[in-house]
N, C-alpha and C. Protein backbone atom coordinates (compact mmCIF):
# COMPACT_ATOMS: atom_id res chain seq x y z
N UNK A 1 73.68 114.70 35.50
CA UNK A 1 73.30 113.42 36.04
C UNK A 1 74.56 112.71 36.53
N UNK A 2 74.51 112.24 37.74
CA UNK A 2 75.64 111.49 38.30
C UNK A 2 75.61 110.08 37.73
N UNK A 3 76.78 109.42 37.62
CA UNK A 3 76.83 108.06 37.09
C UNK A 3 75.89 107.10 37.82
N UNK A 4 75.74 107.27 39.15
CA UNK A 4 74.86 106.40 39.91
C UNK A 4 73.40 106.58 39.55
N UNK A 5 73.07 107.78 39.04
CA UNK A 5 71.69 108.09 38.68
C UNK A 5 71.34 107.67 37.26
N UNK A 6 72.35 107.32 36.46
CA UNK A 6 72.13 106.99 35.06
C UNK A 6 71.35 105.67 34.95
N UNK A 7 70.41 105.63 34.01
CA UNK A 7 69.67 104.38 33.83
C UNK A 7 70.60 103.27 33.37
N UNK A 8 70.30 102.05 33.77
CA UNK A 8 71.10 100.90 33.36
C UNK A 8 70.49 100.33 32.09
N UNK A 9 70.86 100.91 30.95
CA UNK A 9 70.27 100.50 29.68
C UNK A 9 70.61 99.06 29.32
N UNK A 10 71.66 98.52 29.89
CA UNK A 10 72.06 97.15 29.59
C UNK A 10 70.99 96.13 29.99
N UNK A 11 70.14 96.51 30.92
CA UNK A 11 69.09 95.60 31.40
C UNK A 11 67.76 95.83 30.69
N UNK A 12 67.71 96.80 29.79
CA UNK A 12 66.46 97.13 29.11
C UNK A 12 66.25 96.21 27.92
N UNK A 13 65.00 95.95 27.62
CA UNK A 13 64.66 95.15 26.45
C UNK A 13 64.86 95.99 25.19
N UNK A 14 64.90 95.30 24.04
CA UNK A 14 65.02 95.98 22.75
C UNK A 14 63.88 97.00 22.59
N UNK A 15 62.69 96.61 22.99
CA UNK A 15 61.52 97.50 22.88
C UNK A 15 61.67 98.73 23.76
N UNK A 16 62.16 98.55 24.99
CA UNK A 16 62.36 99.68 25.90
C UNK A 16 63.43 100.63 25.36
N UNK A 17 64.51 100.06 24.81
CA UNK A 17 65.57 100.89 24.24
C UNK A 17 65.05 101.68 23.04
N UNK A 18 64.29 101.02 22.20
CA UNK A 18 63.72 101.68 21.03
C UNK A 18 62.79 102.80 21.45
N UNK A 19 61.98 102.55 22.47
CA UNK A 19 61.06 103.58 22.97
C UNK A 19 61.83 104.76 23.55
N UNK A 20 62.89 104.47 24.31
CA UNK A 20 63.72 105.54 24.89
C UNK A 20 64.37 106.37 23.79
N UNK A 21 64.86 105.69 22.76
CA UNK A 21 65.48 106.39 21.63
C UNK A 21 64.45 107.27 20.91
N UNK A 22 63.27 106.74 20.68
CA UNK A 22 62.22 107.51 20.01
C UNK A 22 61.77 108.69 20.85
N UNK A 23 61.68 108.49 22.16
CA UNK A 23 61.29 109.57 23.07
C UNK A 23 62.33 110.68 23.05
N UNK A 24 63.61 110.30 23.11
CA UNK A 24 64.69 111.29 23.07
C UNK A 24 64.68 112.04 21.75
N UNK A 25 64.50 111.31 20.66
CA UNK A 25 64.45 111.93 19.34
C UNK A 25 63.29 112.91 19.23
N UNK A 26 62.14 112.50 19.71
CA UNK A 26 60.96 113.36 19.66
C UNK A 26 61.15 114.61 20.52
N UNK A 27 61.72 114.43 21.72
CA UNK A 27 61.98 115.57 22.59
C UNK A 27 62.89 116.58 21.92
N UNK A 28 64.01 116.09 21.34
CA UNK A 28 64.95 117.00 20.69
C UNK A 28 64.32 117.67 19.48
N UNK A 29 63.51 116.95 18.74
CA UNK A 29 62.85 117.53 17.57
C UNK A 29 61.85 118.60 18.00
N UNK A 30 61.03 118.30 19.00
CA UNK A 30 60.01 119.24 19.45
C UNK A 30 60.60 120.48 20.11
N UNK A 31 61.77 120.34 20.69
CA UNK A 31 62.38 121.45 21.42
C UNK A 31 63.60 122.02 20.73
N UNK A 32 63.85 121.62 19.49
CA UNK A 32 65.07 122.04 18.80
C UNK A 32 65.18 123.56 18.67
N UNK A 33 64.07 124.22 18.38
CA UNK A 33 64.11 125.67 18.23
C UNK A 33 64.44 126.35 19.55
N UNK A 34 63.79 125.92 20.61
CA UNK A 34 64.05 126.51 21.93
C UNK A 34 65.49 126.23 22.38
N UNK A 35 65.96 125.01 22.16
CA UNK A 35 67.34 124.66 22.53
C UNK A 35 68.32 125.54 21.76
N UNK A 36 68.11 125.66 20.46
CA UNK A 36 69.00 126.48 19.63
C UNK A 36 68.95 127.95 20.04
N UNK A 37 67.75 128.45 20.32
CA UNK A 37 67.61 129.85 20.73
C UNK A 37 68.35 130.11 22.04
N UNK A 38 68.24 129.20 22.97
CA UNK A 38 68.93 129.34 24.26
C UNK A 38 70.44 129.37 24.05
N UNK A 39 70.93 128.50 23.18
CA UNK A 39 72.37 128.48 22.91
C UNK A 39 72.81 129.74 22.17
N UNK A 40 71.96 130.23 21.26
CA UNK A 40 72.29 131.47 20.53
C UNK A 40 72.41 132.67 21.48
N UNK A 41 71.56 132.73 22.49
CA UNK A 41 71.64 133.82 23.47
C UNK A 41 73.00 133.79 24.15
N UNK A 42 73.43 132.61 24.54
CA UNK A 42 74.75 132.48 25.18
C UNK A 42 75.86 132.88 24.22
N UNK A 43 75.71 132.48 22.96
CA UNK A 43 76.73 132.85 21.96
C UNK A 43 76.77 134.36 21.74
N UNK A 44 75.61 134.99 21.73
CA UNK A 44 75.58 136.46 21.57
C UNK A 44 76.27 137.15 22.75
N UNK A 45 76.05 136.63 23.94
CA UNK A 45 76.71 137.20 25.10
C UNK A 45 78.22 136.99 25.00
N UNK A 46 78.63 135.81 24.53
CA UNK A 46 80.06 135.57 24.31
C UNK A 46 80.63 136.58 23.32
N UNK A 47 79.91 136.80 22.24
CA UNK A 47 80.37 137.76 21.22
C UNK A 47 80.53 139.15 21.83
N UNK A 48 79.60 139.56 22.66
CA UNK A 48 79.70 140.87 23.33
C UNK A 48 80.93 140.93 24.21
N UNK A 49 81.16 139.86 24.98
CA UNK A 49 82.34 139.84 25.85
C UNK A 49 83.63 139.87 25.05
N UNK A 50 83.68 139.12 23.97
CA UNK A 50 84.87 139.10 23.13
C UNK A 50 85.12 140.47 22.51
N UNK A 51 84.05 141.14 22.10
CA UNK A 51 84.18 142.49 21.55
C UNK A 51 84.75 143.43 22.61
N UNK A 52 84.25 143.32 23.83
CA UNK A 52 84.75 144.18 24.91
C UNK A 52 86.22 143.89 25.22
N UNK A 53 86.61 142.61 25.10
CA UNK A 53 88.01 142.25 25.33
C UNK A 53 88.93 142.93 24.32
N UNK A 54 88.44 143.16 23.13
CA UNK A 54 89.28 143.72 22.07
C UNK A 54 89.46 145.23 22.17
N UNK A 55 88.65 145.87 22.99
CA UNK A 55 88.74 147.34 23.10
C UNK A 55 89.99 147.75 23.85
N UNK A 56 90.69 148.74 23.33
CA UNK A 56 91.90 149.24 23.99
C UNK A 56 91.56 149.94 25.30
N UNK A 57 90.34 150.40 25.42
CA UNK A 57 89.92 151.12 26.64
C UNK A 57 89.49 150.18 27.77
N UNK A 58 89.45 148.90 27.51
CA UNK A 58 89.04 147.94 28.55
C UNK A 58 90.15 147.84 29.59
N UNK A 59 89.76 147.96 30.84
CA UNK A 59 90.75 147.91 31.92
C UNK A 59 91.19 146.46 32.18
N UNK A 60 92.29 146.34 32.86
CA UNK A 60 92.81 145.03 33.23
C UNK A 60 91.78 144.25 34.05
N UNK A 61 91.19 144.91 35.03
CA UNK A 61 90.20 144.26 35.89
C UNK A 61 88.99 143.80 35.09
N UNK A 62 88.55 144.65 34.15
CA UNK A 62 87.41 144.27 33.31
C UNK A 62 87.77 143.08 32.42
N UNK A 63 88.98 143.07 31.88
CA UNK A 63 89.40 141.93 31.06
C UNK A 63 89.36 140.63 31.86
N UNK A 64 89.85 140.68 33.10
CA UNK A 64 89.79 139.48 33.95
C UNK A 64 88.35 139.04 34.17
N UNK A 65 87.48 140.00 34.42
CA UNK A 65 86.06 139.69 34.61
C UNK A 65 85.47 139.08 33.34
N UNK A 66 85.80 139.65 32.18
CA UNK A 66 85.28 139.12 30.91
C UNK A 66 85.78 137.71 30.65
N UNK A 67 87.06 137.46 30.94
CA UNK A 67 87.58 136.10 30.76
C UNK A 67 86.84 135.11 31.67
N UNK A 68 86.58 135.53 32.90
CA UNK A 68 85.85 134.65 33.82
C UNK A 68 84.44 134.38 33.30
N UNK A 69 83.79 135.40 32.76
CA UNK A 69 82.44 135.22 32.22
C UNK A 69 82.45 134.35 30.97
N UNK A 70 83.46 134.54 30.11
CA UNK A 70 83.59 133.70 28.91
C UNK A 70 83.73 132.24 29.34
N UNK A 71 84.56 132.00 30.33
CA UNK A 71 84.77 130.65 30.82
C UNK A 71 83.47 130.06 31.37
N UNK A 72 82.74 130.85 32.12
CA UNK A 72 81.47 130.39 32.69
C UNK A 72 80.46 130.05 31.60
N UNK A 73 80.34 130.91 30.61
CA UNK A 73 79.39 130.66 29.52
C UNK A 73 79.82 129.45 28.71
N UNK A 74 81.12 129.30 28.49
CA UNK A 74 81.62 128.14 27.76
C UNK A 74 81.26 126.85 28.50
N UNK A 75 81.39 126.86 29.83
CA UNK A 75 81.01 125.68 30.62
C UNK A 75 79.51 125.41 30.52
N UNK A 76 78.71 126.47 30.52
CA UNK A 76 77.26 126.29 30.38
C UNK A 76 76.91 125.70 29.02
N UNK A 77 77.54 126.20 27.97
CA UNK A 77 77.30 125.66 26.63
C UNK A 77 77.73 124.19 26.56
N UNK A 78 78.90 123.90 27.13
CA UNK A 78 79.39 122.52 27.14
C UNK A 78 78.42 121.62 27.90
N UNK A 79 77.94 122.09 29.03
CA UNK A 79 77.01 121.31 29.84
C UNK A 79 75.70 121.07 29.08
N UNK A 80 75.20 122.10 28.42
CA UNK A 80 73.98 121.95 27.61
C UNK A 80 74.19 120.91 26.52
N UNK A 81 75.26 121.07 25.77
CA UNK A 81 75.53 120.16 24.65
C UNK A 81 75.74 118.73 25.15
N UNK A 82 76.52 118.58 26.22
CA UNK A 82 76.77 117.25 26.77
C UNK A 82 75.47 116.61 27.26
N UNK A 83 74.64 117.40 27.92
CA UNK A 83 73.38 116.88 28.44
C UNK A 83 72.45 116.40 27.35
N UNK A 84 72.30 117.20 26.30
CA UNK A 84 71.43 116.80 25.20
C UNK A 84 72.02 115.63 24.43
N UNK A 85 73.33 115.62 24.27
CA UNK A 85 73.98 114.49 23.60
C UNK A 85 73.76 113.20 24.40
N UNK A 86 73.96 113.28 25.71
CA UNK A 86 73.78 112.11 26.56
C UNK A 86 72.35 111.62 26.52
N UNK A 87 71.41 112.53 26.58
CA UNK A 87 69.99 112.18 26.53
C UNK A 87 69.68 111.35 25.30
N UNK A 88 70.22 111.77 24.17
CA UNK A 88 69.89 111.12 22.91
C UNK A 88 70.77 109.91 22.63
N UNK A 89 72.01 109.94 23.06
CA UNK A 89 72.94 108.89 22.63
C UNK A 89 72.92 107.64 23.49
N UNK A 90 72.63 107.75 24.76
CA UNK A 90 72.72 106.56 25.62
C UNK A 90 71.83 105.42 25.15
N UNK A 91 70.54 105.66 24.86
CA UNK A 91 69.74 104.52 24.39
C UNK A 91 70.23 103.98 23.05
N UNK A 92 70.73 104.86 22.18
CA UNK A 92 71.23 104.42 20.87
C UNK A 92 72.45 103.54 21.05
N UNK A 93 73.39 103.99 21.88
CA UNK A 93 74.61 103.21 22.12
C UNK A 93 74.26 101.88 22.78
N UNK A 94 73.34 101.91 23.75
CA UNK A 94 72.95 100.66 24.42
C UNK A 94 72.32 99.69 23.43
N UNK A 95 71.51 100.21 22.51
CA UNK A 95 70.87 99.36 21.51
C UNK A 95 71.92 98.74 20.59
N UNK A 96 72.88 99.54 20.16
CA UNK A 96 73.95 99.04 19.30
C UNK A 96 74.78 97.99 20.02
N UNK A 97 75.14 98.28 21.27
CA UNK A 97 75.93 97.32 22.05
C UNK A 97 75.17 96.02 22.27
N UNK A 98 73.85 96.12 22.33
CA UNK A 98 73.03 94.92 22.51
C UNK A 98 73.11 93.98 21.33
N UNK A 99 73.55 94.47 20.18
CA UNK A 99 73.66 93.62 18.99
C UNK A 99 75.03 92.97 18.87
N UNK A 100 75.97 93.39 19.71
CA UNK A 100 77.33 92.84 19.66
C UNK A 100 77.38 91.61 20.54
N UNK A 101 77.79 90.47 19.96
CA UNK A 101 77.86 89.26 20.80
C UNK A 101 78.95 89.40 21.86
N UNK A 102 78.70 88.87 23.07
CA UNK A 102 79.72 88.96 24.13
C UNK A 102 80.96 88.19 23.72
N UNK A 103 82.11 88.69 24.16
CA UNK A 103 83.38 88.03 23.85
C UNK A 103 83.55 86.84 24.77
N UNK A 104 84.03 85.77 24.22
CA UNK A 104 84.27 84.57 25.03
C UNK A 104 85.64 84.67 25.68
N UNK A 105 85.71 84.16 26.89
CA UNK A 105 86.99 84.15 27.61
C UNK A 105 87.93 83.15 26.94
N UNK A 106 89.16 83.53 26.79
CA UNK A 106 90.14 82.65 26.12
C UNK A 106 90.75 81.67 27.07
């Protein structure tokens, strides 16, 4: 999600923020097994690549390819984790910030 596409939680009511938080929580709970399974598949592929990297018979070209694939999978895992974290945390953070009184100009 691009910053311009992000919802402006600062303008949401307490009720809207609470509903968004509950919706995110419910989504993650209902899909936790599928999310974890998807991440495990990527981790298994990483393990296979790392095992291949350790073999003395692995060629230089193959090692470069494996490093590139490890990097790609790591980015996918990071993107997945960041996306799910953002989904769940933004309404929570906005709700918390809504309880902080604005600072007065000195």
